[in-house]
Amino acid sequence: MFSNMRPDRVLILLVIFCLAATAQEDFVLRSDAAQATINVAVLPFDGAEKVPEFKELASPDAVVRADLDFSGRTKIVQPPSNTWDSAFFAQKNVAAVVTGIVKPGASTGEVEIRFQLLDALSRDKLAEKTYTGKKKDLRRLSHRFSDDAIFQLFGERGIASTRIAYVRGKDGRKEIWTMDYDGFGSLPWTKNGNLNLSPVWDRDGALVWSSYLGGNGAHLLRQVIGQKPTRFLPNTPGMQISAAASPIDGEIAVAVSLDGQTEIFRSQPNGKPVRLTFSPALEVSPSWSPNGYEIAFTSDRTGAPQVYAMDREGSNLRRITWVGGYNDQAAWSPMGDRIAFARQAGDFQILTISPDGSDEKWLGVGEQPKWSPDGRHIVFIRRSGQRSDLWVCSADGSSPRQLTFHGDATQPAWSR
């Protein structure tokens, strides 16, 4: 099979097949090979033009093409004819091709989509999945295969099926909304007509947020989709704001306002809260490290907000940011090697920094940064006058792209 291939192509395909054989669901490749990109073509799906459901929607090939391009793992290279072109694939070093077939499902209103990931030279199947769904499911099904393709090619989970929670609304009424990672499929999560703030996804896929529902100040609610929300810390006094979920065991770190002070606590849903900070300063915005051992947070104990970090027991306190008079909204990267934060310097700016306080990098204008689960992207808000919308960029600040356009979006949180 490999006798007439270029050496670099052989290497790419050997990586592909080795990963296909050994990859596990939660395995993330940590090698130079994982940082490489490969060329991929995505061809129109047979039969898509005959399915009425796609007249008002993007076709599955368009969704997959956008997903793979956004991933940063593949470079989309399309043949001029938009059909299978072996000579073109060889010339452009295309390693894999996505194609498929669309047809009506067995039940009325359903569509069946068969996705295929093929070797561009031999046409051998690297992956094949068939999904069935209704019109509202079609983008989601395409996202699922995009993630399957990334996993097959690189041995790591894709992010096309992830969602972003955020806050919408103004003045005294703010609701939690969710949407696909690419800005499509927006849906309200809460509809209680009250103040709902600071959503965060826990490790089980539930949303935790701070709500003023009930009129007794802010308290944490947790909700699994399809179920009713429940109080997270029902016996904890004080205002509960800016929560963060540990990626290891689901424990929540939260800022609690008590007796005029705001301190960081941590707790399991029905456990006894453990107080971590003891300072007359304002301590807010906790963020867990990916190993669950450390928590970054904001404190004004030196007179102005700065980013600090501590162990999960509250020990080994250290200051992370030293430049600028206002640094806030720390977000620890999934890899653990960077912390994103916002600095006020006229407008708010997004930066990242090493956890030891070195190697500060500026990304661009914005605030409230949160990482994608693969650590390759950051979602944030950007303000223009009285308007605020969600944007996303690569981890180095490149390729900024606007996700929302209604002017009242804040406080994003990316699902795991």
Protein backbone atom coordinates (compact mmCIF):
# COMPACT_ATOMS: atom_id res chain seq x y z
CA MET A 1 0.00 0.00 0.00
CA PHE A 2 2.84 2.40 0.86
CA SER A 3 5.29 1.44 -1.93
CA ASN A 4 4.67 4.49 -4.15
CA MET A 5 3.99 7.06 -1.44
CA ARG A 6 6.14 10.02 -0.50
CA PRO A 7 7.96 9.52 2.84
CA ASP A 8 6.11 12.37 4.57
CA ARG A 9 2.79 10.89 3.50
CA VAL A 10 3.76 7.48 4.81
CA LEU A 11 4.57 9.07 8.17
CA ILE A 12 1.18 10.81 8.30
CA LEU A 13 -0.74 7.66 7.52
CA LEU A 14 1.30 5.56 9.94
CA VAL A 15 0.34 8.06 12.64
CA ILE A 16 -3.30 7.81 11.56
CA PHE A 17 -3.45 4.02 11.68
CA CYS A 18 -1.49 3.72 14.92
CA LEU A 19 -3.81 6.18 16.61
CA ALA A 20 -6.88 4.44 15.25
CA ALA A 21 -5.67 1.20 16.84
CA THR A 22 -4.60 2.54 20.24
CA ALA A 23 -6.65 5.67 20.98
CA GLN A 24 -9.02 5.63 23.93
CA GLU A 25 -11.95 7.91 24.70
CA ASP A 26 -10.10 10.21 27.10
CA PHE A 27 -6.64 9.85 25.57
CA VAL A 28 -5.08 13.11 24.41
CA LEU A 29 -1.89 12.85 22.38
CA ARG A 30 0.99 14.86 23.82
CA SER A 31 3.68 14.69 21.18
CA ASP A 32 5.06 16.69 18.28
CA ALA A 33 2.85 14.64 15.95
CA ALA A 34 -0.25 15.94 17.74
CA GLN A 35 0.74 19.49 16.89
CA ALA A 36 0.94 18.76 13.14
CA THR A 37 -1.86 19.43 10.70
CA ILE A 38 -2.87 17.31 7.73
CA ASN A 39 -4.64 18.19 4.51
CA VAL A 40 -8.23 17.02 4.24
CA ALA A 41 -10.87 17.39 1.51
CA VAL A 42 -14.62 17.39 2.25
CA LEU A 43 -16.77 16.49 -0.76
CA PRO A 44 -20.50 17.17 -1.24
CA PHE A 45 -22.67 14.37 0.12
CA ASP A 46 -24.64 12.35 -2.40
CA GLY A 47 -28.37 12.95 -2.16
CA ALA A 48 -28.21 16.08 0.00
CA GLU A 49 -29.75 18.24 -2.72
CA LYS A 50 -32.82 15.97 -2.76
CA VAL A 51 -33.61 16.29 0.95
CA PRO A 52 -36.05 19.15 1.68
CA GLU A 53 -34.75 19.55 5.24
CA PHE A 54 -31.44 20.91 3.90
CA LYS A 55 -32.99 23.73 1.85
CA GLU A 56 -32.89 26.07 4.86
CA LEU A 57 -29.82 24.57 6.53
CA ALA A 58 -26.16 24.16 5.78
CA SER A 59 -25.46 20.82 4.14
CA PRO A 60 -23.56 18.22 6.18
CA ASP A 61 -20.40 18.64 4.12
CA ALA A 62 -20.44 22.40 4.75
CA VAL A 63 -20.81 21.88 8.50
CA VAL A 64 -18.04 19.25 8.65
CA ARG A 65 -15.78 21.42 6.48
CA ALA A 66 -16.24 24.36 8.86
CA ASP A 67 -15.72 22.15 11.92
CA LEU A 68 -12.48 20.64 10.65
CA ASP A 69 -11.17 23.99 9.49
CA PHE A 70 -11.91 25.57 12.88
CA SER A 71 -10.27 22.71 14.77
CA GLY A 72 -6.80 23.87 13.80
CA ARG A 73 -5.81 20.24 13.26
CA THR A 74 -6.60 20.05 9.54
CA LYS A 75 -6.16 22.23 6.49
CA ILE A 76 -9.09 22.04 4.09
CA VAL A 77 -7.94 21.52 0.50
CA GLN A 78 -10.77 21.23 -2.02
CA PRO A 79 -10.39 19.86 -5.57
CA PRO A 80 -11.61 22.33 -8.23
CA SER A 81 -14.21 19.87 -9.45
CA ASN A 82 -15.51 19.24 -5.89
CA THR A 83 -15.43 15.54 -6.78
CA TRP A 84 -12.97 12.75 -6.12
CA ASP A 85 -9.69 13.69 -7.84
CA SER A 86 -6.84 11.29 -7.04
CA ALA A 87 -4.28 13.29 -9.02
CA PHE A 88 -5.19 16.49 -7.17
CA PHE A 89 -5.07 14.73 -3.81
CA ALA A 90 -1.60 13.36 -4.55
CA GLN A 91 -0.33 16.74 -5.79
CA LYS A 92 -1.67 18.60 -2.72
CA ASN A 93 -0.67 15.85 -0.27
CA VAL A 94 -4.28 15.33 0.85
CA ALA A 95 -4.24 12.54 3.42
CA ALA A 96 -7.97 11.97 4.00
CA VAL A 97 -11.32 12.72 2.38
CA VAL A 98 -14.72 13.13 4.03
CA THR A 99 -17.78 12.23 2.00
CA GLY A 100 -21.18 10.68 2.59
CA ILE A 101 -24.70 9.84 1.54
CA VAL A 102 -27.97 11.46 2.61
CA LYS A 103 -31.37 9.81 2.27
CA PRO A 104 -34.79 9.90 3.95
CA GLY A 105 -35.01 8.02 7.24
CA ALA A 106 -37.39 5.21 8.06
CA SER A 107 -39.82 7.54 9.86
CA THR A 108 -41.52 10.63 8.49
CA GLY A 109 -39.44 13.75 8.89
CA GLU A 110 -36.24 11.83 9.60
CA VAL A 111 -33.02 11.97 7.60
CA GLU A 112 -30.30 9.33 7.51
CA ILE A 113 -26.72 10.50 6.95
CA ARG A 114 -23.84 8.12 6.34
CA PHE A 115 -20.47 9.78 6.92
CA GLN A 116 -17.22 8.34 5.62
CA LEU A 117 -13.60 9.23 6.27
CA LEU A 118 -11.45 7.71 3.51
CA ASP A 119 -7.77 7.46 2.73
CA ALA A 120 -7.23 9.86 -0.16
CA LEU A 121 -4.92 7.53 -2.09
CA SER A 122 -6.37 4.06 -1.56
CA ARG A 123 -9.98 4.97 -0.71
CA ASP A 124 -9.74 2.65 2.29
CA LYS A 125 -12.29 3.50 4.99
CA LEU A 126 -10.72 5.05 8.06
CA ALA A 127 -14.10 5.63 9.71
CA GLU A 128 -17.76 5.25 8.83
CA LYS A 129 -20.78 6.31 10.89
CA THR A 130 -24.49 6.42 10.12
CA TYR A 131 -26.75 8.78 12.06
CA THR A 132 -30.49 9.34 11.88
CA GLY A 133 -32.31 12.45 13.09
CA LYS A 134 -34.87 15.12 12.44
CA LYS A 135 -34.29 18.58 11.00
CA LYS A 136 -33.33 20.05 14.38
CA ASP A 137 -30.67 17.35 14.79
CA LEU A 138 -28.86 17.71 11.46
CA ARG A 139 -26.13 20.14 12.52
CA ARG A 140 -25.55 18.16 15.70
CA LEU A 141 -25.09 14.93 13.72
CA SER A 142 -22.53 16.61 11.47
CA HIS A 143 -20.70 17.95 14.53
CA ARG A 144 -20.58 14.43 15.97
CA PHE A 145 -18.88 13.06 12.91
CA SER A 146 -16.42 15.96 12.83
CA ASP A 147 -15.37 14.93 16.33
CA ASP A 148 -15.17 11.29 15.22
CA ALA A 149 -12.89 12.31 12.35
CA ILE A 150 -10.58 14.33 14.63
CA PHE A 151 -10.38 11.41 17.05
CA GLN A 152 -9.64 8.96 14.25
CA LEU A 153 -6.91 11.15 12.76
CA PHE A 154 -5.26 12.49 15.90
CA GLY A 155 -6.36 10.40 18.87
CA GLU A 156 -7.88 13.35 20.72
CA ARG A 157 -11.43 14.51 21.25
CA GLY A 158 -12.80 17.17 18.95
CA ILE A 159 -14.84 20.15 20.13
CA ALA A 160 -17.51 20.40 17.44
CA SER A 161 -20.15 18.81 19.70
CA THR A 162 -19.39 21.10 22.64
CA ARG A 163 -21.63 23.96 23.69
CA ILE A 164 -21.11 27.41 25.13
CA ALA A 165 -23.27 28.72 27.95
CA TYR A 166 -23.61 32.46 28.39
CA VAL A 167 -25.77 35.19 29.89
CA ARG A 168 -28.25 37.29 27.94
CA GLY A 169 -30.27 40.26 29.08
CA LYS A 170 -30.00 43.71 30.61
CA ASP A 171 -30.83 45.51 33.85
CA GLY A 172 -32.66 43.28 36.35
CA ARG A 173 -33.40 40.35 34.07
CA LYS A 174 -30.70 38.05 32.76
CA GLU A 175 -31.14 34.48 31.57
CA ILE A 176 -28.72 31.64 30.86
CA TRP A 177 -28.52 30.56 27.22
CA THR A 178 -26.54 27.85 25.46
CA MET A 179 -25.40 27.48 21.85
CA ASP A 180 -23.21 25.28 19.68
CA TYR A 181 -19.51 26.09 19.76
CA ASP A 182 -19.85 27.87 16.39
CA GLY A 183 -22.68 30.20 17.46
CA PHE A 184 -25.57 28.23 15.97
CA GLY A 185 -28.40 26.56 17.86
CA SER A 186 -28.97 29.15 20.59
CA LEU A 187 -31.48 28.04 23.21
CA PRO A 188 -32.59 29.53 26.54
CA TRP A 189 -31.61 27.42 29.54
CA THR A 190 -33.46 29.51 32.13
CA LYS A 191 -36.75 31.36 31.75
CA ASN A 192 -37.41 32.57 35.29
CA GLY A 193 -37.35 36.33 34.62
CA ASN A 194 -34.77 36.96 37.33
CA LEU A 195 -31.01 37.53 37.58
CA ASN A 196 -29.06 34.45 36.49
CA LEU A 197 -25.28 34.88 36.28
CA SER A 198 -21.89 33.20 35.90
CA PRO A 199 -22.74 29.81 34.36
CA VAL A 200 -20.19 27.00 34.55
CA TRP A 201 -20.33 23.41 33.26
CA ASP A 202 -19.46 20.69 35.73
CA ARG A 203 -17.72 17.44 34.83
CA ASP A 204 -21.08 15.63 34.44
CA GLY A 205 -22.44 18.05 31.82
CA ALA A 206 -24.77 19.92 34.18
CA LEU A 207 -24.85 23.71 34.45
CA VAL A 208 -24.17 25.49 37.72
CA TRP A 209 -24.93 29.20 37.99
CA SER A 210 -25.62 31.98 40.47
CA SER A 211 -29.28 32.99 40.68
CA TYR A 212 -31.23 35.61 42.58
CA LEU A 213 -34.41 33.57 42.18
CA GLY A 214 -36.37 33.60 45.43
CA GLY A 215 -35.30 37.05 46.58
CA ASN A 216 -32.81 35.93 49.24
CA GLY A 217 -29.64 37.00 47.48
CA ALA A 218 -27.47 35.05 45.08
CA HIS A 219 -27.25 31.28 45.52
CA LEU A 220 -25.99 28.46 43.34
CA LEU A 221 -28.33 26.35 41.25
CA ARG A 222 -27.37 23.16 39.41
CA GLN A 223 -29.37 21.65 36.58
CA VAL A 224 -29.01 18.60 34.39
CA ILE A 225 -30.71 19.11 31.04
CA GLY A 226 -34.28 17.79 31.16
CA GLN A 227 -34.46 18.01 34.96
CA LYS A 228 -35.42 20.74 37.42
CA PRO A 229 -32.70 22.92 38.96
CA THR A 230 -31.65 22.23 42.56
CA ARG A 231 -29.80 24.29 45.16
CA PHE A 232 -26.11 23.40 45.11
CA LEU A 233 -25.17 24.51 48.63
CA PRO A 234 -28.55 24.75 50.38
CA ASN A 235 -27.15 25.23 53.89
CA THR A 236 -24.42 27.77 53.12
CA PRO A 237 -25.14 31.35 54.23
CA GLY A 238 -24.04 34.39 52.28
CA MET A 239 -24.18 35.40 48.62
CA GLN A 240 -22.72 32.71 46.35
CA ILE A 241 -21.14 34.04 43.15
CA SER A 242 -18.61 33.15 40.43
CA ALA A 243 -18.44 29.36 40.77
CA ALA A 244 -15.92 27.01 39.12
CA ALA A 245 -16.11 23.22 38.82
CA SER A 246 -13.13 20.95 39.41
CA PRO A 247 -12.42 18.80 36.32
CA ILE A 248 -11.40 15.91 38.58
CA ASP A 249 -14.23 15.32 41.02
CA GLY A 250 -16.87 17.97 40.32
CA GLU A 251 -16.13 19.89 43.51
CA ILE A 252 -17.18 23.53 43.25
CA ALA A 253 -15.02 26.51 44.19
CA VAL A 254 -17.14 29.59 44.78
CA ALA A 255 -16.85 33.14 46.08
CA VAL A 256 -19.12 33.65 49.11
CA SER A 257 -19.95 37.06 50.56
CA LEU A 258 -20.05 36.92 54.37
CA ASP A 259 -20.16 39.85 56.81
CA GLY A 260 -18.95 42.34 54.25
CA GLN A 261 -16.11 40.09 53.03
CA THR A 262 -15.98 37.88 49.96
CA GLU A 263 -13.92 34.70 50.38
CA ILE A 264 -13.22 31.56 48.33
CA PHE A 265 -14.80 28.29 49.48
CA ARG A 266 -14.92 24.83 47.96
CA SER A 267 -17.47 22.08 48.45
CA GLN A 268 -19.11 18.99 47.03
CA PRO A 269 -22.84 19.45 46.25
CA ASN A 270 -24.05 18.15 49.61
CA GLY A 271 -20.82 18.51 51.54
CA LYS A 272 -19.64 20.97 54.15
CA PRO A 273 -18.02 24.02 52.53
CA VAL A 274 -14.32 24.50 53.25
CA ARG A 275 -13.11 28.10 53.53
CA LEU A 276 -9.85 28.66 51.66
CA THR A 277 -9.08 32.39 52.04
CA PHE A 278 -9.04 34.55 55.15
CA SER A 279 -8.52 38.16 54.18
CA PRO A 280 -10.38 41.47 54.49
CA ALA A 281 -9.81 41.86 50.76
CA LEU A 282 -12.21 40.96 47.94
CA GLU A 283 -11.54 37.38 46.74
CA VAL A 284 -13.54 36.30 43.67
CA SER A 285 -13.47 34.47 40.31
CA PRO A 286 -11.93 31.08 41.20
CA SER A 287 -10.63 28.81 38.41
CA TRP A 288 -9.38 25.23 38.91
CA SER A 289 -6.17 23.90 37.43
CA PRO A 290 -6.79 20.86 35.19
CA ASN A 291 -5.28 18.48 37.76
CA GLY A 292 -7.62 19.78 40.48
CA TYR A 293 -4.74 20.64 42.83
CA GLU A 294 -4.71 24.43 42.47
CA ILE A 295 -7.12 27.34 42.20
CA ALA A 296 -6.45 30.69 40.55
CA PHE A 297 -8.54 33.64 41.72
CA THR A 298 -8.71 37.43 41.91
CA SER A 299 -7.81 39.37 45.05
CA ASP A 300 -7.38 43.07 45.78
CA ARG A 301 -5.34 42.41 48.95
CA THR A 302 -2.56 44.64 47.59
CA GLY A 303 -4.99 47.47 46.84
CA ALA A 304 -5.95 46.59 43.24
CA PRO A 305 -7.28 43.38 41.65
CA GLN A 306 -4.55 40.89 40.73
CA VAL A 307 -4.51 37.19 39.86
CA TYR A 308 -3.30 34.82 42.56
CA ALA A 309 -3.11 31.04 42.89
CA MET A 310 -3.23 28.64 45.83
CA ASP A 311 -3.39 24.93 46.51
CA ARG A 312 -6.84 23.40 46.87
CA GLU A 313 -6.41 23.51 50.66
CA GLY A 314 -5.75 27.26 50.60
CA SER A 315 -2.01 26.94 51.19
CA ASN A 316 0.97 27.99 49.03
CA LEU A 317 -0.62 31.33 48.13
CA ARG A 318 1.29 33.20 45.42
CA ARG A 319 0.74 36.17 43.17
CA ILE A 320 0.65 35.53 39.41
CA THR A 321 0.22 38.97 37.80
CA TRP A 322 2.50 41.91 38.58
CA VAL A 323 2.01 44.21 35.58
CA GLY A 324 -0.96 46.58 35.35
CA GLY A 325 -3.30 47.91 38.02
CA TYR A 326 -6.35 45.75 37.27
CA ASN A 327 -6.07 42.02 36.41
CA ASP A 328 -9.10 39.76 36.80
CA GLN A 329 -11.12 36.82 35.42
CA ALA A 330 -8.43 34.11 35.47
CA ALA A 331 -9.13 30.95 33.47
CA TRP A 332 -6.75 28.01 33.68
CA SER A 333 -6.07 26.25 30.38
CA PRO A 334 -6.98 22.54 30.01
CA MET A 335 -3.30 21.75 29.46
CA GLY A 336 -2.34 23.56 32.67
CA ASP A 337 0.46 25.53 31.01
CA ARG A 338 -1.31 28.90 30.64
CA ILE A 339 -3.75 31.10 32.52
CA ALA A 340 -5.91 33.51 30.51
CA PHE A 341 -7.07 36.70 32.20
CA ALA A 342 -8.38 40.21 31.49
CA ARG A 343 -6.46 43.43 32.14
CA GLN A 344 -8.01 46.87 32.19
CA ALA A 345 -5.81 49.25 30.22
CA GLY A 346 -8.35 51.69 28.80
CA ASP A 347 -10.38 48.93 27.21
CA PHE A 348 -10.13 45.45 28.69
CA GLN A 349 -7.45 43.29 27.10
CA ILE A 350 -7.08 39.50 27.05
CA LEU A 351 -3.71 38.04 27.97
CA THR A 352 -2.26 34.67 28.89
CA ILE A 353 0.53 33.95 31.32
CA SER A 354 2.47 30.96 32.63
CA PRO A 355 1.27 29.79 36.09
CA ASP A 356 4.63 30.88 37.51
CA GLY A 357 3.95 34.47 36.41
CA SER A 358 6.33 34.49 33.44
CA ASP A 359 5.91 34.70 29.68
CA GLU A 360 2.97 37.10 29.52
CA LYS A 361 1.35 37.28 26.07
CA TRP A 362 -1.22 39.76 24.77
CA LEU A 363 -4.07 38.33 22.66
CA GLY A 364 -6.35 41.27 21.90
CA VAL A 365 -9.22 43.43 23.09
CA GLY A 366 -11.80 41.59 25.19
CA GLU A 367 -12.66 40.25 28.63
CA GLN A 368 -14.14 37.22 30.44
CA PRO A 369 -11.96 34.62 28.66
CA LYS A 370 -12.72 30.89 28.86
CA TRP A 371 -10.84 28.04 27.15
CA SER A 372 -12.18 25.44 24.77
CA PRO A 373 -11.83 21.90 26.19
CA ASP A 374 -8.93 21.12 23.84
CA GLY A 375 -7.07 24.29 24.84
CA ARG A 376 -6.78 25.51 21.24
CA HIS A 377 -9.34 28.33 21.43
CA ILE A 378 -10.63 30.99 23.79
CA VAL A 379 -14.15 32.40 23.93
CA PHE A 380 -14.53 35.91 25.34
CA ILE A 381 -16.71 39.00 25.16
CA ARG A 382 -15.94 42.20 23.32
CA ARG A 383 -17.80 45.42 24.06
CA SER A 384 -18.78 48.21 21.67
CA GLY A 385 -20.52 51.06 23.45
CA GLN A 386 -23.45 49.54 25.32
CA ARG A 387 -23.29 46.32 23.32
CA SER A 388 -21.42 43.15 24.21
CA ASP A 389 -21.10 39.99 22.17
CA LEU A 390 -19.24 36.71 22.27
CA TRP A 391 -16.13 36.19 20.18
CA VAL A 392 -13.73 33.29 19.77
CA CYS A 393 -10.05 33.24 18.81
CA SER A 394 -7.17 30.80 18.64
CA ALA A 395 -5.12 30.34 21.80
CA ASP A 396 -2.51 32.77 20.45
CA GLY A 397 -5.12 35.46 19.75
CA SER A 398 -5.24 34.90 15.99
CA SER A 399 -8.36 34.37 13.85
CA PRO A 400 -10.90 36.27 16.01
CA ARG A 401 -14.49 35.55 14.99
CA GLN A 402 -17.78 36.94 16.30
CA LEU A 403 -20.31 34.36 17.54
CA THR A 404 -23.30 36.41 18.72
CA PHE A 405 -24.85 39.56 17.29
CA HIS A 406 -27.68 40.54 19.64
CA GLY A 407 -25.57 42.89 21.79
CA ASP A 408 -26.39 41.58 25.28
CA ALA A 409 -24.18 38.49 25.66
CA THR A 410 -21.74 38.13 28.57
CA GLN A 411 -20.07 35.56 30.84
CA PRO A 412 -19.34 32.65 28.46
CA ALA A 413 -18.48 29.13 29.65
CA TRP A 414 -17.32 26.33 27.33
CA SER A 415 -18.56 22.81 28.04
CA ARG A 416 -16.06 20.02 28.59
